Amino acid sequence: YQRRVREAVVSTQSTGAFKELCLSRADKGLLETIEKWTVPEFPLRGDQLIKEVGLPKGPLVSKYYTLGKARWKENQYSMEKDEVIEFLKSEYEKSKTPASSAPGS
């Protein structure tokens, strides 16, 4: 339950509705956690993927942005910008080899 609330807060970048939910459920522990927690922001933008990962402009930017954000989420939102970039560079290089197909494969 708490993990789902945290993921929802990150995806909406807002805590207001979730504070109300905690109050309605009388979950003071989670409410205190949300109030103290700084909502993490994904450390990359699409233009940075083009420049720093070497992606061409176009649909790959969206694919790799989504892939990077999923990896960041899997790592509890703790990956730094450089770590996400290195992961995406590696995935992009793998995708260029004939045996590989899509990002994350």
PDB file of N, CA and C in Angstrom:
ATOM      1  N   TYR A   1       0.828  -1.196   0.000  1.00  0.00           N
ATOM      2  CA  TYR A   1       0.000   0.000   0.000  1.00  0.00           C
ATOM      3  C   TYR A   1       0.869   1.256   0.000  1.00  0.00           C
ATOM      4  N   GLN A   2       1.838   1.293   0.905  1.00  0.00           N
ATOM      5  CA  GLN A   2       2.700   2.480   0.986  1.00  0.00           C
ATOM      6  C   GLN A   2       3.541   2.642  -0.284  1.00  0.00           C
ATOM      7  N   ARG A   3       4.008   1.518  -0.851  1.00  0.00           N
ATOM      8  CA  ARG A   3       4.791   1.581  -2.082  1.00  0.00           C
ATOM      9  C   ARG A   3       3.945   2.139  -3.217  1.00  0.00           C
ATOM     10  N   ARG A   4       2.681   1.711  -3.303  1.00  0.00           N
ATOM     11  CA  ARG A   4       1.803   2.214  -4.367  1.00  0.00           C
ATOM     12  C   ARG A   4       1.521   3.699  -4.202  1.00  0.00           C
ATOM     13  N   VAL A   5       1.343   4.137  -2.973  1.00  0.00           N
ATOM     14  CA  VAL A   5       1.123   5.571  -2.734  1.00  0.00           C
ATOM     15  C   VAL A   5       2.359   6.348  -3.160  1.00  0.00           C
ATOM     16  N   ARG A   6       3.536   5.862  -2.796  1.00  0.00           N
ATOM     17  CA  ARG A   6       4.781   6.551  -3.165  1.00  0.00           C
ATOM     18  C   ARG A   6       4.916   6.659  -4.680  1.00  0.00           C
ATOM     19  N   GLU A   7       4.640   5.563  -5.398  1.00  0.00           N
ATOM     20  CA  GLU A   7       4.728   5.584  -6.861  1.00  0.00           C
ATOM     21  C   GLU A   7       3.717   6.560  -7.454  1.00  0.00           C
ATOM     22  N   ALA A   8       2.541   6.609  -6.886  1.00  0.00           N
ATOM     23  CA  ALA A   8       1.515   7.536  -7.376  1.00  0.00           C
ATOM     24  C   ALA A   8       1.924   8.982  -7.139  1.00  0.00           C
ATOM     25  N   VAL A   9       2.535   9.250  -6.002  1.00  0.00           N
ATOM     26  CA  VAL A   9       3.001  10.611  -5.707  1.00  0.00           C
ATOM     27  C   VAL A   9       4.061  11.016  -6.721  1.00  0.00           C
ATOM     28  N   VAL A  10       4.992  10.107  -7.022  1.00  0.00           N
ATOM     29  CA  VAL A  10       6.049  10.415  -7.992  1.00  0.00           C
ATOM     30  C   VAL A  10       5.443  10.654  -9.368  1.00  0.00           C
ATOM     31  N   SER A  11       4.499   9.825  -9.777  1.00  0.00           N
ATOM     32  CA  SER A  11       3.951   9.973 -11.120  1.00  0.00           C
ATOM     33  C   SER A  11       3.129  11.245 -11.280  1.00  0.00           C
ATOM     34  N   THR A  12       2.490  11.715 -10.199  1.00  0.00           N
ATOM     35  CA  THR A  12       1.688  12.931 -10.304  1.00  0.00           C
ATOM     36  C   THR A  12       2.456  14.180  -9.885  1.00  0.00           C
ATOM     37  N   GLN A  13       3.611  13.988  -9.221  1.00  0.00           N
ATOM     38  CA  GLN A  13       4.420  15.091  -8.705  1.00  0.00           C
ATOM     39  C   GLN A  13       3.623  15.965  -7.738  1.00  0.00           C
ATOM     40  N   SER A  14       2.674  15.353  -7.019  1.00  0.00           N
ATOM     41  CA  SER A  14       1.841  16.092  -6.077  1.00  0.00           C
ATOM     42  C   SER A  14       1.525  15.214  -4.876  1.00  0.00           C
ATOM     43  N   THR A  15       1.491  15.819  -3.706  1.00  0.00           N
ATOM     44  CA  THR A  15       1.184  15.063  -2.498  1.00  0.00           C
ATOM     45  C   THR A  15      -0.197  15.360  -1.938  1.00  0.00           C
ATOM     46  N   GLY A  16      -0.851  16.396  -2.409  1.00  0.00           N
ATOM     47  CA  GLY A  16      -2.114  16.850  -1.820  1.00  0.00           C
ATOM     48  C   GLY A  16      -3.184  15.785  -1.685  1.00  0.00           C
ATOM     49  N   ALA A  17      -3.525  15.122  -2.765  1.00  0.00           N
ATOM     50  CA  ALA A  17      -4.587  14.116  -2.731  1.00  0.00           C
ATOM     51  C   ALA A  17      -4.203  12.939  -1.840  1.00  0.00           C
ATOM     52  N   PHE A  18      -2.929  12.639  -1.792  1.00  0.00           N
ATOM     53  CA  PHE A  18      -2.492  11.494  -1.010  1.00  0.00           C
ATOM     54  C   PHE A  18      -2.493  11.809   0.485  1.00  0.00           C
ATOM     55  N   LYS A  19      -2.258  13.059   0.816  1.00  0.00           N
ATOM     56  CA  LYS A  19      -2.379  13.468   2.213  1.00  0.00           C
ATOM     57  C   LYS A  19      -3.830  13.299   2.670  1.00  0.00           C
ATOM     58  N   GLU A  20      -4.772  13.696   1.807  1.00  0.00           N
ATOM     59  CA  GLU A  20      -6.193  13.535   2.130  1.00  0.00           C
ATOM     60  C   GLU A  20      -6.548  12.061   2.294  1.00  0.00           C
ATOM     61  N   LEU A  21      -6.005  11.207   1.424  1.00  0.00           N
ATOM     62  CA  LEU A  21      -6.247   9.779   1.517  1.00  0.00           C
ATOM     63  C   LEU A  21      -5.740   9.240   2.858  1.00  0.00           C
ATOM     64  N   CYS A  22      -4.544   9.650   3.258  1.00  0.00           N
ATOM     65  CA  CYS A  22      -3.983   9.199   4.531  1.00  0.00           C
ATOM     66  C   CYS A  22      -4.847   9.646   5.695  1.00  0.00           C
ATOM     67  N   LEU A  23      -5.336  10.871   5.625  1.00  0.00           N
ATOM     68  CA  LEU A  23      -6.197  11.376   6.693  1.00  0.00           C
ATOM     69  C   LEU A  23      -7.496  10.582   6.765  1.00  0.00           C
ATOM     70  N   SER A  24      -8.056  10.269   5.604  1.00  0.00           N
ATOM     71  CA  SER A  24      -9.316   9.530   5.585  1.00  0.00           C
ATOM     72  C   SER A  24      -9.135   8.101   6.082  1.00  0.00           C
ATOM     73  N   ARG A  25      -7.940   7.556   5.911  1.00  0.00           N
ATOM     74  CA  ARG A  25      -7.660   6.198   6.384  1.00  0.00           C
ATOM     75  C   ARG A  25      -7.059   6.207   7.783  1.00  0.00           C
ATOM     76  N   ALA A  26      -6.890   7.374   8.351  1.00  0.00           N
ATOM     77  CA  ALA A  26      -6.277   7.527   9.676  1.00  0.00           C
ATOM     78  C   ALA A  26      -4.882   6.901   9.704  1.00  0.00           C
ATOM     79  N   ASP A  27      -4.150   7.070   8.607  1.00  0.00           N
ATOM     80  CA  ASP A  27      -2.796   6.523   8.501  1.00  0.00           C
ATOM     81  C   ASP A  27      -1.796   7.645   8.759  1.00  0.00           C
ATOM     82  N   LYS A  28      -1.615   7.968  10.019  1.00  0.00           N
ATOM     83  CA  LYS A  28      -0.743   9.087  10.380  1.00  0.00           C
ATOM     84  C   LYS A  28       0.716   8.801  10.050  1.00  0.00           C
ATOM     85  N   GLY A  29       1.139   7.542  10.126  1.00  0.00           N
ATOM     86  CA  GLY A  29       2.522   7.190   9.810  1.00  0.00           C
ATOM     87  C   GLY A  29       2.872   7.510   8.359  1.00  0.00           C
ATOM     88  N   LEU A  30       1.992   7.097   7.460  1.00  0.00           N
ATOM     89  CA  LEU A  30       2.226   7.370   6.041  1.00  0.00           C
ATOM     90  C   LEU A  30       2.105   8.867   5.764  1.00  0.00           C
ATOM     91  N   LEU A  31       1.165   9.520   6.422  1.00  0.00           N
ATOM     92  CA  LEU A  31       1.015  10.967   6.254  1.00  0.00           C
ATOM     93  C   LEU A  31       2.305  11.684   6.640  1.00  0.00           C
ATOM     94  N   GLU A  32       2.891  11.311   7.764  1.00  0.00           N
ATOM     95  CA  GLU A  32       4.152  11.934   8.186  1.00  0.00           C
ATOM     96  C   GLU A  32       5.264  11.664   7.174  1.00  0.00           C
ATOM     97  N   THR A  33       5.301  10.441   6.643  1.00  0.00           N
ATOM     98  CA  THR A  33       6.314  10.104   5.636  1.00  0.00           C
ATOM     99  C   THR A  33       6.146  10.984   4.403  1.00  0.00           C
ATOM    100  N   ILE A  34       4.924  11.137   3.922  1.00  0.00           N
ATOM    101  CA  ILE A  34       4.671  11.944   2.726  1.00  0.00           C
ATOM    102  C   ILE A  34       5.021  13.407   2.978  1.00  0.00           C
ATOM    103  N   GLU A  35       4.687  13.907   4.149  1.00  0.00           N
ATOM    104  CA  GLU A  35       4.976  15.309   4.449  1.00  0.00           C
ATOM    105  C   GLU A  35       6.474  15.588   4.516  1.00  0.00           C
ATOM    106  N   LYS A  36       7.262  14.618   4.937  1.00  0.00           N
ATOM    107  CA  LYS A  36       8.718  14.805   5.053  1.00  0.00           C
ATOM    108  C   LYS A  36       9.445  14.488   3.756  1.00  0.00           C
ATOM    109  N   TRP A  37       8.789  13.791   2.879  1.00  0.00           N
ATOM    110  CA  TRP A  37       9.434  13.272   1.688  1.00  0.00           C
ATOM    111  C   TRP A  37       9.462  14.316   0.576  1.00  0.00           C
ATOM    112  N   THR A  38      10.601  14.490  -0.032  1.00  0.00           N
ATOM    113  CA  THR A  38      10.722  15.346  -1.202  1.00  0.00           C
ATOM    114  C   THR A  38      10.438  14.480  -2.428  1.00  0.00           C
ATOM    115  N   VAL A  39       9.465  14.866  -3.209  1.00  0.00           N
ATOM    116  CA  VAL A  39       9.097  14.088  -4.386  1.00  0.00           C
ATOM    117  C   VAL A  39      10.258  14.126  -5.381  1.00  0.00           C
ATOM    118  N   PRO A  40      10.806  12.945  -5.728  1.00  0.00           N
ATOM    119  CA  PRO A  40      11.931  12.934  -6.662  1.00  0.00           C
ATOM    120  C   PRO A  40      11.497  13.306  -8.074  1.00  0.00           C
ATOM    121  N   GLU A  41      12.396  13.920  -8.782  1.00  0.00           N
ATOM    122  CA  GLU A  41      12.130  14.305 -10.168  1.00  0.00           C
ATOM    123  C   GLU A  41      13.121  13.572 -11.062  1.00  0.00           C
ATOM    124  N   PHE A  42      12.624  12.953 -12.123  1.00  0.00           N
ATOM    125  CA  PHE A  42      13.500  12.215 -13.036  1.00  0.00           C
ATOM    126  C   PHE A  42      14.605  13.155 -13.522  1.00  0.00           C
ATOM    127  N   PRO A  43      15.868  12.720 -13.440  1.00  0.00           N
ATOM    128  CA  PRO A  43      16.990  13.629 -13.682  1.00  0.00           C
ATOM    129  C   PRO A  43      17.331  13.935 -15.139  1.00  0.00           C
ATOM    130  N   LEU A  44      16.551  13.461 -16.085  1.00  0.00           N
ATOM    131  CA  LEU A  44      16.875  13.700 -17.497  1.00  0.00           C
ATOM    132  C   LEU A  44      15.696  14.279 -18.270  1.00  0.00           C
ATOM    133  N   ARG A  45      16.040  14.986 -19.335  1.00  0.00           N
ATOM    134  CA  ARG A  45      15.046  15.480 -20.296  1.00  0.00           C
ATOM    135  C   ARG A  45      15.371  14.863 -21.656  1.00  0.00           C
ATOM    136  N   GLY A  46      14.414  14.903 -22.538  1.00  0.00           N
ATOM    137  CA  GLY A  46      14.604  14.316 -23.857  1.00  0.00           C
ATOM    138  C   GLY A  46      15.786  14.895 -24.612  1.00  0.00           C
ATOM    139  N   ASP A  47      15.984  16.216 -24.522  1.00  0.00           N
ATOM    140  CA  ASP A  47      17.098  16.827 -25.252  1.00  0.00           C
ATOM    141  C   ASP A  47      18.446  16.341 -24.706  1.00  0.00           C
ATOM    142  N   GLN A  48      18.482  15.984 -23.432  1.00  0.00           N
ATOM    143  CA  GLN A  48      19.717  15.460 -22.858  1.00  0.00           C
ATOM    144  C   GLN A  48      20.003  14.047 -23.373  1.00  0.00           C
ATOM    145  N   LEU A  49      18.949  13.296 -23.665  1.00  0.00           N
ATOM    146  CA  LEU A  49      19.153  11.959 -24.229  1.00  0.00           C
ATOM    147  C   LEU A  49      19.789  12.049 -25.609  1.00  0.00           C
ATOM    148  N   ILE A  50      19.374  13.024 -26.373  1.00  0.00           N
ATOM    149  CA  ILE A  50      19.943  13.213 -27.710  1.00  0.00           C
ATOM    150  C   ILE A  50      21.423  13.572 -27.580  1.00  0.00           C
ATOM    151  N   LYS A  51      21.723  14.503 -26.717  1.00  0.00           N
ATOM    152  CA  LYS A  51      23.084  15.002 -26.562  1.00  0.00           C
ATOM    153  C   LYS A  51      23.998  14.000 -25.839  1.00  0.00           C
ATOM    154  N   GLU A  52      23.550  13.465 -24.713  1.00  0.00           N
ATOM    155  CA  GLU A  52      24.445  12.692 -23.863  1.00  0.00           C
ATOM    156  C   GLU A  52      24.415  11.185 -24.114  1.00  0.00           C
ATOM    157  N   VAL A  53      23.321  10.671 -24.635  1.00  0.00           N
ATOM    158  CA  VAL A  53      23.255   9.244 -24.955  1.00  0.00           C
ATOM    159  C   VAL A  53      23.601   9.025 -26.426  1.00  0.00           C
ATOM    160  N   GLY A  54      23.377  10.057 -27.236  1.00  0.00           N
ATOM    161  CA  GLY A  54      23.671   9.954 -28.658  1.00  0.00           C
ATOM    162  C   GLY A  54      22.499   9.468 -29.482  1.00  0.00           C
ATOM    163  N   LEU A  55      21.303   9.620 -28.947  1.00  0.00           N
ATOM    164  CA  LEU A  55      20.118   9.194 -29.689  1.00  0.00           C
ATOM    165  C   LEU A  55      19.807  10.170 -30.815  1.00  0.00           C
ATOM    166  N   PRO A  56      19.299   9.650 -31.934  1.00  0.00           N
ATOM    167  CA  PRO A  56      18.832  10.556 -32.984  1.00  0.00           C
ATOM    168  C   PRO A  56      17.491  11.159 -32.571  1.00  0.00           C
ATOM    169  N   LYS A  57      17.194  12.337 -33.073  1.00  0.00           N
ATOM    170  CA  LYS A  57      15.874  12.928 -32.803  1.00  0.00           C
ATOM    171  C   LYS A  57      14.818  12.003 -33.375  1.00  0.00           C
ATOM    172  N   GLY A  58      13.696  11.912 -32.681  1.00  0.00           N
ATOM    173  CA  GLY A  58      12.616  11.067 -33.170  1.00  0.00           C
ATOM    174  C   GLY A  58      12.075  10.148 -32.098  1.00  0.00           C
ATOM    175  N   PRO A  59      11.385   9.079 -32.510  1.00  0.00           N
ATOM    176  CA  PRO A  59      10.669   8.208 -31.571  1.00  0.00           C
ATOM    177  C   PRO A  59      11.569   7.466 -30.581  1.00  0.00           C
ATOM    178  N   LEU A  60      12.833   7.274 -30.910  1.00  0.00           N
ATOM    179  CA  LEU A  60      13.718   6.588 -29.963  1.00  0.00           C
ATOM    180  C   LEU A  60      13.896   7.376 -28.671  1.00  0.00           C
ATOM    181  N   VAL A  61      13.814   8.675 -28.764  1.00  0.00           N
ATOM    182  CA  VAL A  61      13.966   9.503 -27.557  1.00  0.00           C
ATOM    183  C   VAL A  61      12.887   9.134 -26.546  1.00  0.00           C
ATOM    184  N   SER A  62      11.670   9.012 -26.994  1.00  0.00           N
ATOM    185  CA  SER A  62      10.569   8.649 -26.106  1.00  0.00           C
ATOM    186  C   SER A  62      10.755   7.241 -25.538  1.00  0.00           C
ATOM    187  N   LYS A  63      11.159   6.300 -26.384  1.00  0.00           N
ATOM    188  CA  LYS A  63      11.381   4.924 -25.922  1.00  0.00           C
ATOM    189  C   LYS A  63      12.443   4.871 -24.832  1.00  0.00           C
ATOM    190  N   TYR A  64      13.555   5.553 -25.062  1.00  0.00           N
ATOM    191  CA  TYR A  64      14.643   5.500 -24.098  1.00  0.00           C
ATOM    192  C   TYR A  64      14.362   6.346 -22.859  1.00  0.00           C
ATOM    193  N   TYR A  65      13.602   7.389 -23.009  1.00  0.00           N
ATOM    194  CA  TYR A  65      13.177   8.172 -21.842  1.00  0.00           C
ATOM    195  C   TYR A  65      12.344   7.275 -20.927  1.00  0.00           C
ATOM    196  N   THR A  66      11.399   6.551 -21.512  1.00  0.00           N
ATOM    197  CA  THR A  66      10.546   5.642 -20.754  1.00  0.00           C
ATOM    198  C   THR A  66      11.367   4.520 -20.122  1.00  0.00           C
ATOM    199  N   LEU A  67      12.316   3.985 -20.864  1.00  0.00           N
ATOM    200  CA  LEU A  67      13.187   2.926 -20.350  1.00  0.00           C
ATOM    201  C   LEU A  67      14.015   3.432 -19.168  1.00  0.00           C
ATOM    202  N   GLY A  68      14.585   4.621 -19.306  1.00  0.00           N
ATOM    203  CA  GLY A  68      15.389   5.198 -18.226  1.00  0.00           C
ATOM    204  C   GLY A  68      14.553   5.479 -16.994  1.00  0.00           C
ATOM    205  N   LYS A  69      13.365   5.989 -17.198  1.00  0.00           N
ATOM    206  CA  LYS A  69      12.493   6.299 -16.070  1.00  0.00           C
ATOM    207  C   LYS A  69      12.071   5.021 -15.347  1.00  0.00           C
ATOM    208  N   ALA A  70      11.833   3.947 -16.096  1.00  0.00           N
ATOM    209  CA  ALA A  70      11.467   2.662 -15.482  1.00  0.00           C
ATOM    210  C   ALA A  70      12.632   2.121 -14.647  1.00  0.00           C
ATOM    211  N   ARG A  71      13.853   2.231 -15.155  1.00  0.00           N
ATOM    212  CA  ARG A  71      15.021   1.753 -14.407  1.00  0.00           C
ATOM    213  C   ARG A  71      15.216   2.592 -13.141  1.00  0.00           C
ATOM    214  N   TRP A  72      15.034   3.899 -13.263  1.00  0.00           N
ATOM    215  CA  TRP A  72      15.135   4.814 -12.122  1.00  0.00           C
ATOM    216  C   TRP A  72      14.119   4.423 -11.056  1.00  0.00           C
ATOM    217  N   LYS A  73      12.901   4.115 -11.479  1.00  0.00           N
ATOM    218  CA  LYS A  73      11.843   3.699 -10.551  1.00  0.00           C
ATOM    219  C   LYS A  73      12.210   2.377  -9.885  1.00  0.00           C
ATOM    220  N   GLU A  74      12.700   1.406 -10.675  1.00  0.00           N
ATOM    221  CA  GLU A  74      13.108   0.107 -10.128  1.00  0.00           C
ATOM    222  C   GLU A  74      14.179   0.265  -9.048  1.00  0.00           C
ATOM    223  N   ASN A  75      14.971   1.310  -9.171  1.00  0.00           N
ATOM    224  CA  ASN A  75      16.043   1.575  -8.214  1.00  0.00           C
ATOM    225  C   ASN A  75      15.618   2.557  -7.130  1.00  0.00           C
ATOM    226  N   GLN A  76      14.317   2.571  -6.850  1.00  0.00           N
ATOM    227  CA  GLN A  76      13.768   3.389  -5.768  1.00  0.00           C
ATOM    228  C   GLN A  76      14.044   4.880  -5.951  1.00  0.00           C
ATOM    229  N   TYR A  77      14.104   5.337  -7.204  1.00  0.00           N
ATOM    230  CA  TYR A  77      14.295   6.753  -7.541  1.00  0.00           C
ATOM    231  C   TYR A  77      15.651   7.282  -7.053  1.00  0.00           C
ATOM    232  N   SER A  78      16.609   6.382  -6.878  1.00  0.00           N
ATOM    233  CA  SER A  78      17.887   6.795  -6.293  1.00  0.00           C
ATOM    234  C   SER A  78      19.000   6.959  -7.322  1.00  0.00           C
ATOM    235  N   MET A  79      18.772   6.583  -8.569  1.00  0.00           N
ATOM    236  CA  MET A  79      19.825   6.709  -9.577  1.00  0.00           C
ATOM    237  C   MET A  79      20.089   8.177  -9.893  1.00  0.00           C
ATOM    238  N   GLU A  80      21.365   8.502  -9.977  1.00  0.00           N
ATOM    239  CA  GLU A  80      21.772   9.846 -10.368  1.00  0.00           C
ATOM    240  C   GLU A  80      21.719   9.958 -11.895  1.00  0.00           C
ATOM    241  N   LYS A  81      21.752  11.163 -12.379  1.00  0.00           N
ATOM    242  CA  LYS A  81      21.704  11.435 -13.820  1.00  0.00           C
ATOM    243  C   LYS A  81      22.748  10.621 -14.576  1.00  0.00           C
ATOM    244  N   ASP A  82      23.996  10.634 -14.098  1.00  0.00           N
ATOM    245  CA  ASP A  82      25.077   9.922 -14.787  1.00  0.00           C
ATOM    246  C   ASP A  82      24.822   8.412 -14.849  1.00  0.00           C
ATOM    247  N   GLU A  83      24.228   7.861 -13.798  1.00  0.00           N
ATOM    248  CA  GLU A  83      23.926   6.432 -13.782  1.00  0.00           C
ATOM    249  C   GLU A  83      22.855   6.086 -14.813  1.00  0.00           C
ATOM    250  N   VAL A  84      21.847   6.921 -14.915  1.00  0.00           N
ATOM    251  CA  VAL A  84      20.791   6.681 -15.906  1.00  0.00           C
ATOM    252  C   VAL A  84      21.369   6.804 -17.311  1.00  0.00           C
ATOM    253  N   ILE A  85      22.208   7.798 -17.526  1.00  0.00           N
ATOM    254  CA  ILE A  85      22.831   7.990 -18.847  1.00  0.00           C
ATOM    255  C   ILE A  85      23.669   6.775 -19.224  1.00  0.00           C
ATOM    256  N   GLU A  86      24.488   6.281 -18.299  1.00  0.00           N
ATOM    257  CA  GLU A  86      25.329   5.114 -18.595  1.00  0.00           C
ATOM    258  C   GLU A  86      24.477   3.895 -18.919  1.00  0.00           C
ATOM    259  N   PHE A  87      23.407   3.696 -18.157  1.00  0.00           N
ATOM    260  CA  PHE A  87      22.497   2.585 -18.435  1.00  0.00           C
ATOM    261  C   PHE A  87      21.909   2.720 -19.841  1.00  0.00           C
ATOM    262  N   LEU A  88      21.439   3.910 -20.183  1.00  0.00           N
ATOM    263  CA  LEU A  88      20.813   4.118 -21.490  1.00  0.00           C
ATOM    264  C   LEU A  88      21.824   3.997 -22.628  1.00  0.00           C
ATOM    265  N   LYS A  89      23.037   4.479 -22.420  1.00  0.00           N
ATOM    266  CA  LYS A  89      24.075   4.310 -23.443  1.00  0.00           C
ATOM    267  C   LYS A  89      24.315   2.828 -23.715  1.00  0.00           C
ATOM    268  N   SER A  90      24.406   2.062 -22.641  1.00  0.00           N
ATOM    269  CA  SER A  90      24.625   0.625 -22.767  1.00  0.00           C
ATOM    270  C   SER A  90      23.478  -0.046 -23.517  1.00  0.00           C
ATOM    271  N   GLU A  91      22.258   0.309 -23.150  1.00  0.00           N
ATOM    272  CA  GLU A  91      21.088  -0.267 -23.830  1.00  0.00           C
ATOM    273  C   GLU A  91      21.039   0.147 -25.304  1.00  0.00           C
ATOM    274  N   TYR A  92      21.395   1.385 -25.584  1.00  0.00           N
ATOM    275  CA  TYR A  92      21.387   1.864 -26.967  1.00  0.00           C
ATOM    276  C   TYR A  92      22.437   1.130 -27.798  1.00  0.00           C
ATOM    277  N   GLU A  93      23.608   0.939 -27.218  1.00  0.00           N
ATOM    278  CA  GLU A  93      24.665   0.205 -27.932  1.00  0.00           C
ATOM    279  C   GLU A  93      24.232  -1.231 -28.202  1.00  0.00           C
ATOM    280  N   LYS A  94      23.609  -1.871 -27.217  1.00  0.00           N
ATOM    281  CA  LYS A  94      23.117  -3.243 -27.399  1.00  0.00           C
ATOM    282  C   LYS A  94      22.085  -3.293 -28.517  1.00  0.00           C
ATOM    283  N   SER A  95      21.254  -2.265 -28.610  1.00  0.00           N
ATOM    284  CA  SER A  95      20.177  -2.271 -29.615  1.00  0.00           C
ATOM    285  C   SER A  95      20.725  -2.155 -31.036  1.00  0.00           C
ATOM    286  N   LYS A  96      21.956  -1.683 -31.169  1.00  0.00           N
ATOM    287  CA  LYS A  96      22.545  -1.518 -32.499  1.00  0.00           C
ATOM    288  C   LYS A  96      23.137  -2.815 -33.027  1.00  0.00           C
ATOM    289  N   THR A  97      23.305  -3.815 -32.166  1.00  0.00           N
ATOM    290  CA  THR A  97      23.861  -5.095 -32.615  1.00  0.00           C
ATOM    291  C   THR A  97      22.770  -5.932 -33.237  1.00  0.00           C
ATOM    292  N   PRO A  98      23.079  -6.717 -34.250  1.00  0.00           N
ATOM    293  CA  PRO A  98      22.065  -7.498 -34.973  1.00  0.00           C
ATOM    294  C   PRO A  98      21.267  -8.459 -34.093  1.00  0.00           C
ATOM    295  N   ALA A  99      21.861  -9.012 -33.040  1.00  0.00           N
ATOM    296  CA  ALA A  99      21.169  -9.997 -32.205  1.00  0.00           C
ATOM    297  C   ALA A  99      20.135  -9.359 -31.282  1.00  0.00           C
ATOM    298  N   SER A 100      20.188  -8.050 -31.115  1.00  0.00           N
ATOM    299  CA  SER A 100      19.295  -7.349 -30.198  1.00  0.00           C
ATOM    300  C   SER A 100      18.190  -6.659 -30.982  1.00  0.00           C
ATOM    301  N   SER A 101      17.074  -6.395 -30.294  1.00  0.00           N
ATOM    302  CA  SER A 101      15.975  -5.723 -31.002  1.00  0.00           C
ATOM    303  C   SER A 101      15.585  -4.412 -30.338  1.00  0.00           C
ATOM    304  N   ALA A 102      14.792  -4.451 -29.305  1.00  0.00           N
ATOM    305  CA  ALA A 102      14.239  -3.236 -28.696  1.00  0.00           C
ATOM    306  C   ALA A 102      14.969  -2.887 -27.419  1.00  0.00           C
ATOM    307  N   PRO A 103      14.787  -1.649 -26.938  1.00  0.00           N
ATOM    308  CA  PRO A 103      15.396  -1.262 -25.664  1.00  0.00           C
ATOM    309  C   PRO A 103      14.937  -2.183 -24.547  1.00  0.00           C
ATOM    310  N   GLY A 104      15.886  -2.549 -23.690  1.00  0.00           N
ATOM    311  CA  GLY A 104      15.555  -3.370 -22.542  1.00  0.00           C
ATOM    312  C   GLY A 104      15.576  -4.848 -22.830  1.00  0.00           C
ATOM    313  N   SER A 105      15.920  -5.260 -24.062  1.00  0.00           N
ATOM    314  CA  SER A 105      15.911  -6.690 -24.398  1.00  0.00           C
ATOM    315  C   SER A 105      17.202  -7.348 -24.030  1.00  0.00           C
TER     316      SER A 105
END
